[in-house]
N, C-alpha and C. Protein backbone atom coordinates (compact mmCIF):
# COMPACT_ATOMS: atom_id res chain seq x y z
N MET A 1 -165.32 125.60 -36.38
CA MET A 1 -164.03 125.71 -35.64
C MET A 1 -163.56 124.32 -35.11
N ARG A 2 -162.28 124.08 -35.28
CA ARG A 2 -161.72 122.81 -34.84
C ARG A 2 -160.70 123.12 -33.70
N PHE A 3 -160.80 122.23 -32.61
CA PHE A 3 -159.84 122.48 -31.52
C PHE A 3 -158.85 121.35 -31.42
N GLY A 4 -157.52 121.45 -30.98
CA GLY A 4 -156.53 120.67 -30.86
C GLY A 4 -156.03 120.90 -29.50
N ALA A 5 -155.23 119.82 -28.91
CA ALA A 5 -154.55 120.01 -27.64
C ALA A 5 -153.24 119.78 -27.83
N PHE A 6 -152.38 120.36 -27.06
CA PHE A 6 -150.83 120.21 -27.24
C PHE A 6 -150.09 119.85 -25.94
N TRP A 7 -149.24 118.87 -26.14
CA TRP A 7 -148.45 118.32 -25.06
C TRP A 7 -147.18 118.57 -25.25
N GLN A 8 -146.41 119.32 -24.51
CA GLN A 8 -144.93 119.47 -24.57
C GLN A 8 -144.39 118.70 -23.51
N THR A 9 -144.84 118.83 -22.29
CA THR A 9 -144.58 118.27 -21.05
C THR A 9 -145.52 117.23 -20.68
N PRO A 10 -145.13 115.92 -20.92
CA PRO A 10 -146.21 114.94 -20.52
C PRO A 10 -146.32 114.62 -18.99
N GLY A 11 -147.62 114.42 -18.56
CA GLY A 11 -147.95 114.05 -17.15
C GLY A 11 -147.84 115.08 -16.26
N SER A 12 -148.03 114.74 -15.04
CA SER A 12 -148.14 115.60 -13.86
C SER A 12 -146.79 115.56 -13.11
N GLU A 13 -146.51 116.79 -12.53
CA GLU A 13 -145.34 117.10 -11.60
C GLU A 13 -145.16 115.93 -10.62
N GLY A 14 -143.97 115.41 -10.44
CA GLY A 14 -143.73 114.38 -9.44
C GLY A 14 -144.09 112.99 -9.89
N SER A 15 -144.52 112.73 -11.12
CA SER A 15 -144.84 111.52 -11.62
C SER A 15 -143.48 110.79 -12.23
N SER A 16 -143.29 109.58 -12.38
CA SER A 16 -142.12 108.92 -12.77
C SER A 16 -142.29 109.08 -14.44
N VAL A 17 -141.17 109.00 -15.10
CA VAL A 17 -141.27 109.16 -16.55
C VAL A 17 -142.02 108.15 -17.20
N PRO A 18 -142.14 106.92 -16.79
CA PRO A 18 -143.22 106.06 -17.38
C PRO A 18 -144.70 106.48 -17.31
N ARG A 19 -144.90 106.85 -15.89
CA ARG A 19 -146.23 107.20 -15.49
C ARG A 19 -146.75 108.45 -16.31
N ARG A 20 -145.75 109.39 -16.49
CA ARG A 20 -146.15 110.71 -17.23
C ARG A 20 -146.50 110.32 -18.63
N HIS A 21 -145.87 109.41 -19.28
CA HIS A 21 -146.27 109.03 -20.60
C HIS A 21 -147.62 108.36 -20.71
N TRP A 22 -147.98 107.43 -19.83
CA TRP A 22 -149.39 106.96 -19.65
C TRP A 22 -150.33 108.14 -19.24
N GLU A 23 -149.97 108.94 -18.53
CA GLU A 23 -150.92 110.16 -18.25
C GLU A 23 -151.28 111.05 -19.46
N THR A 24 -150.30 111.14 -20.40
CA THR A 24 -150.45 111.75 -21.65
C THR A 24 -151.38 110.87 -22.45
N VAL A 25 -151.25 109.58 -22.50
CA VAL A 25 -152.26 108.77 -23.16
C VAL A 25 -153.63 108.97 -22.66
N GLU A 26 -153.69 109.01 -21.41
CA GLU A 26 -154.98 109.08 -20.67
C GLU A 26 -155.65 110.47 -21.01
N GLU A 27 -154.80 111.55 -21.15
CA GLU A 27 -155.31 112.99 -21.38
C GLU A 27 -155.66 113.04 -22.80
N VAL A 28 -155.11 112.36 -23.64
CA VAL A 28 -155.44 112.16 -25.02
C VAL A 28 -156.86 111.58 -25.19
N GLU A 29 -157.00 110.49 -24.52
CA GLU A 29 -158.36 109.88 -24.40
C GLU A 29 -159.46 110.86 -24.04
N LEU A 30 -159.12 111.55 -22.84
CA LEU A 30 -160.15 112.68 -22.44
C LEU A 30 -160.31 113.66 -23.55
N ALA A 31 -159.27 114.21 -24.10
CA ALA A 31 -159.43 115.24 -25.07
C ALA A 31 -160.44 114.80 -26.21
N GLU A 32 -160.36 113.45 -26.60
CA GLU A 32 -161.27 112.89 -27.61
C GLU A 32 -162.58 112.89 -27.04
N GLN A 33 -162.91 112.47 -25.86
CA GLN A 33 -164.20 112.42 -25.25
C GLN A 33 -164.78 113.82 -25.14
N LEU A 34 -163.98 114.86 -25.13
CA LEU A 34 -164.42 116.24 -24.95
C LEU A 34 -164.59 116.93 -26.30
N GLY A 35 -164.27 116.15 -27.42
CA GLY A 35 -164.50 116.50 -28.66
C GLY A 35 -163.40 117.23 -29.48
N PHE A 36 -162.09 117.27 -28.78
CA PHE A 36 -160.91 117.74 -29.53
C PHE A 36 -160.85 117.03 -30.70
N GLU A 37 -160.37 117.71 -31.91
CA GLU A 37 -159.97 116.99 -33.12
C GLU A 37 -158.68 116.35 -33.30
N SER A 38 -157.71 117.05 -32.40
CA SER A 38 -156.31 116.65 -32.63
C SER A 38 -155.58 116.61 -31.30
N ALA A 39 -154.47 115.87 -31.31
CA ALA A 39 -153.54 115.91 -30.27
C ALA A 39 -152.12 116.17 -30.65
N TRP A 40 -151.39 117.11 -30.30
CA TRP A 40 -150.15 117.43 -30.81
C TRP A 40 -149.14 117.22 -29.78
N LEU A 41 -148.18 116.34 -30.08
CA LEU A 41 -147.15 115.74 -29.16
C LEU A 41 -145.85 116.36 -29.68
N ALA A 42 -145.02 116.99 -28.70
CA ALA A 42 -143.81 117.53 -28.94
C ALA A 42 -142.65 116.58 -28.72
N GLU A 43 -141.59 116.54 -29.47
CA GLU A 43 -140.41 115.81 -29.15
C GLU A 43 -139.52 116.59 -28.22
N SER A 44 -139.51 116.17 -27.04
CA SER A 44 -138.72 116.97 -25.92
C SER A 44 -138.04 116.03 -25.11
N ALA A 45 -136.98 115.24 -25.75
CA ALA A 45 -136.07 114.32 -25.09
C ALA A 45 -135.33 115.00 -23.97
N PHE A 46 -134.98 116.15 -24.06
CA PHE A 46 -133.98 116.81 -23.12
C PHE A 46 -134.46 117.77 -22.20
N PHE A 47 -135.79 117.83 -21.83
CA PHE A 47 -136.21 118.82 -20.82
C PHE A 47 -136.12 117.88 -19.54
N PRO A 48 -135.31 118.35 -18.69
CA PRO A 48 -135.08 117.60 -17.34
C PRO A 48 -136.29 117.34 -16.68
N GLY A 49 -136.53 115.96 -16.33
CA GLY A 49 -137.71 115.55 -15.59
C GLY A 49 -139.10 115.43 -16.36
N ARG A 50 -138.97 115.89 -17.60
CA ARG A 50 -140.28 115.80 -18.35
C ARG A 50 -139.94 115.57 -19.77
N PRO A 51 -139.31 114.31 -20.17
CA PRO A 51 -139.04 113.98 -21.56
C PRO A 51 -140.25 113.37 -22.17
N MET A 52 -140.34 113.67 -23.55
CA MET A 52 -141.07 112.83 -24.35
C MET A 52 -140.11 112.66 -25.61
N SER A 53 -139.43 111.60 -25.52
CA SER A 53 -138.27 111.25 -26.45
C SER A 53 -138.84 110.72 -27.82
N ASN A 54 -140.13 110.24 -27.76
CA ASN A 54 -140.59 109.65 -29.02
C ASN A 54 -142.34 109.83 -29.03
N PRO A 55 -142.57 110.91 -29.57
CA PRO A 55 -144.11 111.34 -29.54
C PRO A 55 -144.67 110.24 -30.68
N LEU A 56 -144.04 109.70 -31.62
CA LEU A 56 -144.78 108.76 -32.39
C LEU A 56 -145.25 107.42 -31.59
N MET A 57 -144.44 107.11 -30.66
CA MET A 57 -144.77 105.86 -30.06
C MET A 57 -145.98 106.17 -29.06
N VAL A 58 -145.86 107.39 -28.40
CA VAL A 58 -147.08 107.83 -27.56
C VAL A 58 -148.27 107.96 -28.36
N ALA A 59 -148.18 108.42 -29.58
CA ALA A 59 -149.34 108.46 -30.42
C ALA A 59 -149.87 107.11 -30.74
N ILE A 60 -148.96 106.22 -30.96
CA ILE A 60 -149.47 104.75 -31.29
C ILE A 60 -150.23 104.28 -30.06
N ALA A 61 -149.53 104.37 -28.84
CA ALA A 61 -150.26 103.88 -27.55
C ALA A 61 -151.68 104.64 -27.53
N ALA A 62 -151.81 105.87 -27.67
CA ALA A 62 -153.14 106.69 -27.49
C ALA A 62 -154.09 106.17 -28.72
N GLY A 63 -153.40 105.93 -29.94
CA GLY A 63 -154.20 105.60 -30.92
C GLY A 63 -154.98 104.25 -30.72
N GLN A 64 -154.32 103.33 -29.92
CA GLN A 64 -154.89 102.09 -29.61
C GLN A 64 -156.19 102.18 -28.61
N ARG A 65 -156.29 103.39 -28.14
CA ARG A 65 -157.37 103.77 -26.98
C ARG A 65 -158.27 104.83 -27.46
N THR A 66 -158.35 105.31 -28.60
CA THR A 66 -159.01 106.29 -29.25
C THR A 66 -159.52 105.74 -30.54
N GLU A 67 -160.59 106.47 -31.02
CA GLU A 67 -161.03 106.17 -32.54
C GLU A 67 -160.98 107.29 -33.42
N ARG A 68 -161.18 108.71 -33.02
CA ARG A 68 -161.24 109.71 -33.89
C ARG A 68 -160.19 110.78 -33.91
N ILE A 69 -159.61 111.00 -32.78
CA ILE A 69 -158.71 112.17 -32.49
C ILE A 69 -157.45 111.96 -33.53
N ARG A 70 -157.07 112.99 -34.19
CA ARG A 70 -155.83 112.92 -34.88
C ARG A 70 -154.66 113.07 -34.11
N PHE A 71 -153.47 112.75 -34.61
CA PHE A 71 -152.23 113.00 -33.88
C PHE A 71 -151.26 113.77 -34.75
N GLY A 72 -150.67 114.72 -34.07
CA GLY A 72 -149.64 115.54 -34.74
C GLY A 72 -148.35 115.61 -33.97
N THR A 73 -147.19 115.51 -34.70
CA THR A 73 -145.94 115.85 -34.09
C THR A 73 -145.66 117.28 -34.20
N LEU A 74 -145.20 117.85 -33.13
CA LEU A 74 -144.89 119.27 -33.23
C LEU A 74 -143.57 119.71 -32.41
N ALA A 75 -142.53 119.68 -33.06
CA ALA A 75 -142.22 119.11 -34.32
C ALA A 75 -141.16 118.07 -34.13
N THR A 76 -141.08 117.03 -35.18
CA THR A 76 -140.11 116.15 -34.90
C THR A 76 -138.79 116.78 -35.40
N GLN A 77 -137.69 116.72 -34.83
CA GLN A 77 -136.51 117.39 -35.03
C GLN A 77 -135.63 116.69 -36.06
N ALA A 78 -136.00 117.04 -37.40
CA ALA A 78 -135.49 116.18 -38.54
C ALA A 78 -133.98 116.04 -38.31
N PRO A 79 -133.12 117.17 -38.21
CA PRO A 79 -131.65 117.05 -38.20
C PRO A 79 -131.13 115.98 -37.16
N LEU A 80 -132.01 115.68 -36.21
CA LEU A 80 -131.39 114.48 -35.20
C LEU A 80 -131.68 113.07 -35.62
N HIS A 81 -132.42 112.96 -36.73
CA HIS A 81 -132.76 111.67 -37.00
C HIS A 81 -132.43 111.28 -38.56
N HIS A 82 -132.21 109.98 -38.78
CA HIS A 82 -131.94 109.66 -40.21
C HIS A 82 -133.27 109.62 -40.96
N PRO A 83 -133.28 110.16 -42.19
CA PRO A 83 -134.55 110.20 -43.00
C PRO A 83 -135.21 108.84 -43.17
N PHE A 84 -134.45 107.80 -43.33
CA PHE A 84 -135.01 106.37 -43.50
C PHE A 84 -136.07 106.07 -42.21
N HIS A 85 -135.31 106.40 -41.06
CA HIS A 85 -136.04 105.99 -39.84
C HIS A 85 -137.30 106.86 -39.67
N LEU A 86 -137.31 108.15 -40.08
CA LEU A 86 -138.39 109.12 -39.97
C LEU A 86 -139.34 108.60 -40.77
N ALA A 87 -139.05 108.20 -41.97
CA ALA A 87 -140.08 107.72 -43.10
C ALA A 87 -140.84 106.46 -42.59
N THR A 88 -140.06 105.44 -41.95
CA THR A 88 -140.52 104.19 -41.52
C THR A 88 -141.35 104.32 -40.40
N GLN A 89 -140.90 105.06 -39.39
CA GLN A 89 -141.52 105.14 -38.09
C GLN A 89 -142.84 106.04 -38.30
N SER A 90 -142.74 106.96 -38.99
CA SER A 90 -143.96 107.85 -39.16
C SER A 90 -144.98 107.04 -39.97
N ALA A 91 -144.64 106.27 -40.96
CA ALA A 91 -145.46 105.52 -41.64
C ALA A 91 -146.08 104.28 -40.81
N THR A 92 -145.42 103.76 -39.95
CA THR A 92 -145.81 102.72 -39.06
C THR A 92 -146.80 103.38 -38.07
N CYS A 93 -146.60 104.58 -37.69
CA CYS A 93 -147.58 105.28 -36.72
C CYS A 93 -148.90 105.51 -37.45
N ASP A 94 -148.76 105.96 -38.69
CA ASP A 94 -149.89 106.28 -39.37
C ASP A 94 -150.80 105.01 -39.56
N ILE A 95 -150.19 104.02 -39.89
CA ILE A 95 -150.78 102.57 -40.02
C ILE A 95 -151.49 102.26 -38.77
N LEU A 96 -150.85 102.19 -37.68
CA LEU A 96 -151.28 101.76 -36.45
C LEU A 96 -152.37 102.70 -35.77
N THR A 97 -152.50 103.90 -36.26
CA THR A 97 -153.58 104.92 -35.86
C THR A 97 -154.55 104.96 -36.79
N ASN A 98 -154.56 104.11 -37.84
CA ASN A 98 -155.51 104.05 -38.77
C ASN A 98 -155.67 105.35 -39.70
N GLY A 99 -154.44 105.95 -40.01
CA GLY A 99 -154.41 107.06 -40.84
C GLY A 99 -154.58 108.41 -40.23
N ARG A 100 -154.36 108.51 -38.80
CA ARG A 100 -154.57 109.72 -38.02
C ARG A 100 -153.45 110.54 -37.72
N LEU A 101 -152.30 110.32 -38.52
CA LEU A 101 -151.09 111.05 -38.07
C LEU A 101 -150.96 112.20 -39.04
N ASP A 102 -150.63 113.45 -38.45
CA ASP A 102 -150.22 114.62 -39.14
C ASP A 102 -148.81 114.81 -38.69
N PHE A 103 -147.95 114.48 -39.68
CA PHE A 103 -146.37 114.48 -39.39
C PHE A 103 -145.82 115.82 -39.64
N CYS A 104 -145.22 116.40 -38.61
CA CYS A 104 -144.70 117.79 -38.72
C CYS A 104 -143.08 117.63 -38.44
N LEU A 105 -142.39 118.20 -39.48
CA LEU A 105 -141.00 118.18 -39.34
C LEU A 105 -140.42 119.74 -38.83
N GLY A 106 -139.51 119.82 -38.04
CA GLY A 106 -138.75 120.97 -37.66
C GLY A 106 -137.53 120.79 -37.82
N GLY A 107 -136.73 122.05 -37.79
CA GLY A 107 -135.34 121.97 -37.97
C GLY A 107 -134.63 122.11 -36.67
N ARG A 108 -133.51 122.83 -36.67
CA ARG A 108 -132.73 122.99 -35.36
C ARG A 108 -133.39 123.44 -34.36
N TRP A 109 -133.29 122.54 -33.20
CA TRP A 109 -133.96 123.05 -32.09
C TRP A 109 -133.16 123.50 -30.79
N GLY A 110 -132.02 122.66 -30.60
CA GLY A 110 -131.24 123.13 -29.58
C GLY A 110 -129.82 122.44 -29.56
N VAL A 111 -128.92 123.12 -29.06
CA VAL A 111 -127.42 122.51 -29.09
C VAL A 111 -127.47 121.37 -28.27
N ARG A 112 -128.02 121.40 -27.06
CA ARG A 112 -128.02 120.30 -26.16
C ARG A 112 -128.55 119.02 -26.73
N ALA A 113 -129.62 119.17 -27.49
CA ALA A 113 -130.19 117.84 -28.05
C ALA A 113 -129.24 117.36 -29.17
N SER A 114 -128.83 118.38 -30.03
CA SER A 114 -127.96 117.87 -31.12
C SER A 114 -126.65 117.39 -30.59
N LYS A 115 -126.04 117.79 -29.52
CA LYS A 115 -124.80 117.14 -28.96
C LYS A 115 -125.24 115.87 -28.24
N ALA A 116 -126.29 115.74 -27.59
CA ALA A 116 -126.63 114.34 -27.03
C ALA A 116 -126.93 113.35 -27.97
N PHE A 117 -127.24 113.79 -29.14
CA PHE A 117 -127.54 112.74 -30.31
C PHE A 117 -126.15 112.51 -30.99
N GLY A 118 -125.01 113.08 -30.56
CA GLY A 118 -123.83 113.00 -31.24
C GLY A 118 -123.47 113.73 -32.43
N HIS A 119 -124.38 114.90 -32.76
CA HIS A 119 -124.26 115.67 -33.89
C HIS A 119 -123.31 116.91 -33.69
N GLY A 120 -123.01 117.16 -32.52
CA GLY A 120 -122.27 118.56 -32.13
C GLY A 120 -123.30 119.65 -32.37
N ASP A 121 -122.77 120.97 -32.72
CA ASP A 121 -123.44 122.14 -32.71
C ASP A 121 -123.94 122.14 -34.25
N ILE A 122 -125.02 121.87 -34.54
CA ILE A 122 -125.50 121.74 -35.94
C ILE A 122 -125.84 123.14 -36.49
N SER A 123 -125.13 123.69 -37.56
CA SER A 123 -125.51 125.12 -38.10
C SER A 123 -126.85 125.14 -38.63
N SER A 124 -127.34 126.40 -38.78
CA SER A 124 -128.63 126.66 -39.36
C SER A 124 -128.75 126.13 -40.80
N GLU A 125 -127.65 126.27 -41.49
CA GLU A 125 -127.45 125.74 -42.89
C GLU A 125 -127.60 124.21 -42.85
N GLU A 126 -126.93 123.55 -42.12
CA GLU A 126 -126.87 122.14 -42.13
C GLU A 126 -128.24 121.61 -41.57
N SER A 127 -128.80 122.32 -40.73
CA SER A 127 -130.06 121.99 -40.13
C SER A 127 -131.13 121.91 -41.45
N ARG A 128 -131.15 123.09 -42.26
CA ARG A 128 -131.94 123.24 -43.33
C ARG A 128 -131.70 122.05 -44.34
N GLU A 129 -130.65 121.75 -44.49
CA GLU A 129 -130.26 120.68 -45.53
C GLU A 129 -130.61 119.49 -45.08
N ARG A 130 -130.62 119.20 -43.69
CA ARG A 130 -131.13 117.79 -43.12
C ARG A 130 -132.61 117.74 -43.28
N VAL A 131 -133.30 118.85 -43.09
CA VAL A 131 -134.68 118.87 -43.08
C VAL A 131 -135.16 118.56 -44.37
N GLU A 132 -134.45 119.26 -45.51
CA GLU A 132 -134.80 119.02 -46.98
C GLU A 132 -134.61 117.49 -47.39
N GLU A 133 -133.45 116.93 -46.84
CA GLU A 133 -133.17 115.60 -46.97
C GLU A 133 -134.37 114.64 -46.57
N ALA A 134 -134.76 115.06 -45.33
CA ALA A 134 -135.80 114.16 -44.56
C ALA A 134 -137.09 114.21 -45.39
N ILE A 135 -137.32 115.49 -45.92
CA ILE A 135 -138.68 115.64 -46.67
C ILE A 135 -138.60 114.75 -47.98
């Protein structure tokens, strides 16, 4: 049996946003020490007070301080990103973590996020099309 850990909300309550990200890196280090196989990081840019706007960058930081644990995105919101950037950023993350990235794409997640990224209210059909384009 394999065990993984999931972070949707980085860090502890009351910590600053930068500190929360570093706490997540420290928790991933601990997860590796405890024998967890994977660390799954959610893209959650618009949770008030608890953002993780770029899990790939957090994975890179944690990857520099770990040796074995794999990193997963759960899930990168494909409709909010240009496919070229998704490809190059995920490839760079995989390189800098020595091949330890499990990249997961997701579709429409929320109106608030899509509006904040300047996309308006993305329909389910458009979301599917954007995910297919990203793949």
